[in-house]
N, C-alpha and C. Protein backbone atom coordinates (compact mmCIF):
# COMPACT_ATOMS: atom_id res chain seq x y z
N MET A 1 14.31 35.20 -28.42
CA MET A 1 14.50 33.91 -29.06
C MET A 1 14.97 32.85 -28.05
N GLY A 2 15.67 33.25 -27.02
CA GLY A 2 16.15 32.30 -26.04
C GLY A 2 15.04 31.62 -25.28
N ALA A 3 13.99 32.37 -24.88
CA ALA A 3 12.88 31.79 -24.14
C ALA A 3 12.09 30.83 -25.01
N GLU A 4 11.90 31.19 -26.26
CA GLU A 4 11.17 30.30 -27.17
C GLU A 4 11.94 29.00 -27.38
N TYR A 5 13.23 29.12 -27.49
CA TYR A 5 14.05 27.93 -27.68
C TYR A 5 13.95 27.01 -26.46
N ASN A 6 14.00 27.59 -25.27
CA ASN A 6 13.90 26.77 -24.07
C ASN A 6 12.55 26.09 -23.97
N TRP A 7 11.47 26.81 -24.29
CA TRP A 7 10.13 26.22 -24.17
C TRP A 7 9.95 25.09 -25.16
N PHE A 8 10.30 25.33 -26.40
CA PHE A 8 10.08 24.31 -27.42
C PHE A 8 11.21 23.30 -27.47
N GLY A 9 12.31 23.64 -26.87
CA GLY A 9 13.45 22.75 -26.94
C GLY A 9 13.59 21.82 -25.76
N GLY A 10 12.78 21.98 -24.71
CA GLY A 10 12.96 21.06 -23.61
C GLY A 10 12.18 21.36 -22.35
N MET A 11 11.60 22.55 -22.21
CA MET A 11 10.86 22.85 -20.98
C MET A 11 9.60 22.00 -20.85
N TRP A 12 9.02 21.56 -21.91
CA TRP A 12 7.83 20.72 -21.86
C TRP A 12 8.17 19.33 -21.32
N PHE A 13 9.44 18.98 -21.40
CA PHE A 13 9.88 17.65 -20.98
C PHE A 13 9.89 17.50 -19.46
N MET A 14 10.13 18.59 -18.72
CA MET A 14 10.23 18.53 -17.27
C MET A 14 8.94 18.04 -16.61
N PRO A 15 7.75 18.55 -16.97
CA PRO A 15 6.54 18.01 -16.35
C PRO A 15 6.31 16.53 -16.66
N LEU A 16 6.75 16.09 -17.82
CA LEU A 16 6.58 14.68 -18.17
C LEU A 16 7.41 13.77 -17.27
N ILE A 17 8.51 14.26 -16.78
CA ILE A 17 9.36 13.50 -15.87
C ILE A 17 8.97 13.76 -14.41
N GLY A 18 8.71 15.02 -14.09
CA GLY A 18 8.43 15.40 -12.72
C GLY A 18 7.13 14.85 -12.17
N MET A 19 6.07 14.86 -12.95
CA MET A 19 4.75 14.42 -12.47
C MET A 19 4.74 12.93 -12.12
N PRO A 20 5.25 12.04 -12.96
CA PRO A 20 5.26 10.62 -12.56
C PRO A 20 6.11 10.36 -11.31
N ILE A 21 7.21 11.08 -11.16
CA ILE A 21 8.04 10.90 -9.97
C ILE A 21 7.27 11.36 -8.73
N PHE A 22 6.60 12.50 -8.84
CA PHE A 22 5.79 13.01 -7.73
C PHE A 22 4.68 12.03 -7.37
N LEU A 23 3.99 11.50 -8.37
CA LEU A 23 2.91 10.54 -8.11
C LEU A 23 3.44 9.24 -7.50
N LEU A 24 4.60 8.81 -7.93
CA LEU A 24 5.22 7.60 -7.38
C LEU A 24 5.57 7.79 -5.90
N ILE A 25 6.06 8.97 -5.55
CA ILE A 25 6.37 9.25 -4.15
C ILE A 25 5.10 9.25 -3.31
N LEU A 26 4.04 9.90 -3.80
CA LEU A 26 2.77 9.91 -3.07
C LEU A 26 2.21 8.50 -2.90
N PHE A 27 2.24 7.71 -3.97
CA PHE A 27 1.72 6.35 -3.92
C PHE A 27 2.49 5.51 -2.90
N SER A 28 3.81 5.64 -2.88
CA SER A 28 4.61 4.83 -1.95
C SER A 28 4.34 5.23 -0.50
N ILE A 29 4.09 6.52 -0.24
CA ILE A 29 3.80 6.96 1.12
C ILE A 29 2.46 6.39 1.58
N PHE A 30 1.42 6.51 0.75
CA PHE A 30 0.10 6.02 1.15
C PHE A 30 0.04 4.51 1.19
N ASN A 31 0.74 3.83 0.30
CA ASN A 31 0.75 2.37 0.30
C ASN A 31 1.47 1.84 1.53
N LYS A 32 2.53 2.48 1.95
CA LYS A 32 3.27 2.06 3.14
C LYS A 32 2.39 2.17 4.38
N ASN A 33 1.65 3.27 4.51
CA ASN A 33 0.78 3.47 5.66
C ASN A 33 -0.36 2.46 5.69
N SER A 34 -0.91 2.12 4.54
CA SER A 34 -2.03 1.18 4.54
C SER A 34 -1.57 -0.23 4.87
N ASN A 35 -0.36 -0.61 4.48
CA ASN A 35 0.15 -1.95 4.78
C ASN A 35 0.45 -2.12 6.26
N GLN A 36 0.82 -1.07 6.95
CA GLN A 36 1.13 -1.17 8.36
C GLN A 36 -0.11 -1.42 9.20
N ASN A 37 -1.27 -1.05 8.73
CA ASN A 37 -2.49 -1.17 9.51
C ASN A 37 -3.21 -2.50 9.29
N ARG A 38 -2.73 -3.31 8.39
CA ARG A 38 -3.41 -4.57 8.09
C ARG A 38 -2.95 -5.67 9.03
N GLU A 39 -3.91 -6.48 9.46
CA GLU A 39 -3.60 -7.67 10.25
C GLU A 39 -3.62 -8.87 9.33
N SER A 40 -2.76 -9.82 9.59
CA SER A 40 -2.81 -11.05 8.80
C SER A 40 -3.98 -11.89 9.28
N ALA A 41 -4.34 -12.87 8.49
CA ALA A 41 -5.48 -13.73 8.83
C ALA A 41 -5.24 -14.48 10.14
N ILE A 42 -4.03 -14.93 10.35
CA ILE A 42 -3.74 -15.68 11.57
C ILE A 42 -3.78 -14.76 12.79
N GLU A 43 -3.37 -13.50 12.64
CA GLU A 43 -3.45 -12.55 13.75
C GLU A 43 -4.91 -12.28 14.13
N ILE A 44 -5.76 -12.13 13.13
CA ILE A 44 -7.18 -11.91 13.39
C ILE A 44 -7.78 -13.13 14.09
N LEU A 45 -7.39 -14.31 13.62
CA LEU A 45 -7.89 -15.55 14.20
C LEU A 45 -7.45 -15.68 15.66
N LYS A 46 -6.19 -15.38 15.93
CA LYS A 46 -5.70 -15.44 17.31
C LYS A 46 -6.42 -14.44 18.21
N ARG A 47 -6.66 -13.26 17.68
CA ARG A 47 -7.36 -12.23 18.47
C ARG A 47 -8.79 -12.67 18.76
N ARG A 48 -9.47 -13.24 17.78
CA ARG A 48 -10.85 -13.70 18.00
C ARG A 48 -10.89 -14.83 19.03
N TYR A 49 -9.90 -15.72 18.97
CA TYR A 49 -9.85 -16.82 19.93
C TYR A 49 -9.57 -16.29 21.34
N SER A 50 -8.64 -15.35 21.45
CA SER A 50 -8.31 -14.82 22.77
C SER A 50 -9.46 -14.00 23.36
N ASN A 51 -10.28 -13.40 22.51
CA ASN A 51 -11.45 -12.65 22.99
C ASN A 51 -12.64 -13.55 23.30
N GLY A 52 -12.51 -14.84 23.00
CA GLY A 52 -13.59 -15.78 23.28
C GLY A 52 -14.69 -15.79 22.23
N GLU A 53 -14.42 -15.23 21.07
CA GLU A 53 -15.42 -15.20 20.00
C GLU A 53 -15.58 -16.55 19.32
N ILE A 54 -14.51 -17.36 19.32
CA ILE A 54 -14.58 -18.69 18.71
C ILE A 54 -14.01 -19.70 19.69
N SER A 55 -14.42 -20.95 19.51
CA SER A 55 -13.95 -22.02 20.39
C SER A 55 -12.62 -22.57 19.90
N LYS A 56 -12.03 -23.45 20.70
CA LYS A 56 -10.75 -24.08 20.35
C LYS A 56 -10.90 -24.89 19.07
N ASN A 57 -12.00 -25.63 18.95
CA ASN A 57 -12.22 -26.44 17.74
C ASN A 57 -12.36 -25.55 16.50
N GLU A 58 -13.11 -24.45 16.64
CA GLU A 58 -13.25 -23.53 15.52
C GLU A 58 -11.91 -22.89 15.15
N PHE A 59 -11.13 -22.53 16.18
CA PHE A 59 -9.81 -21.95 15.95
C PHE A 59 -8.92 -22.92 15.18
N ASP A 60 -8.89 -24.18 15.65
CA ASP A 60 -8.05 -25.18 14.98
C ASP A 60 -8.47 -25.41 13.54
N GLN A 61 -9.79 -25.48 13.30
CA GLN A 61 -10.29 -25.72 11.96
C GLN A 61 -9.98 -24.54 11.03
N MET A 62 -10.21 -23.33 11.53
CA MET A 62 -9.95 -22.15 10.72
C MET A 62 -8.46 -21.98 10.44
N LYS A 63 -7.62 -22.28 11.43
CA LYS A 63 -6.18 -22.20 11.26
C LYS A 63 -5.74 -23.20 10.19
N LYS A 64 -6.31 -24.36 10.24
CA LYS A 64 -5.99 -25.40 9.24
C LYS A 64 -6.44 -24.96 7.85
N ASP A 65 -7.61 -24.30 7.78
CA ASP A 65 -8.14 -23.86 6.49
C ASP A 65 -7.29 -22.77 5.85
N ILE A 66 -6.75 -21.84 6.65
CA ILE A 66 -5.98 -20.75 6.06
C ILE A 66 -4.52 -21.10 5.83
N SER A 67 -4.05 -22.20 6.41
CA SER A 67 -2.64 -22.59 6.22
C SER A 67 -2.42 -23.30 4.92
């Protein structure tokens, strides 16, 4: 009777709490890693200008557009 009481009295509740916590931890780990790899628009623009892909006028115009 003790095992039945535990199962119907509260053991089903643990997965309902544990699974969302586990998924939240996984989501935060993967979201943190993906945010670190992103460049901002101005960083991309500066990199393109320094590589000679765009001219000074294009750089100034694009910088003005994204600001």
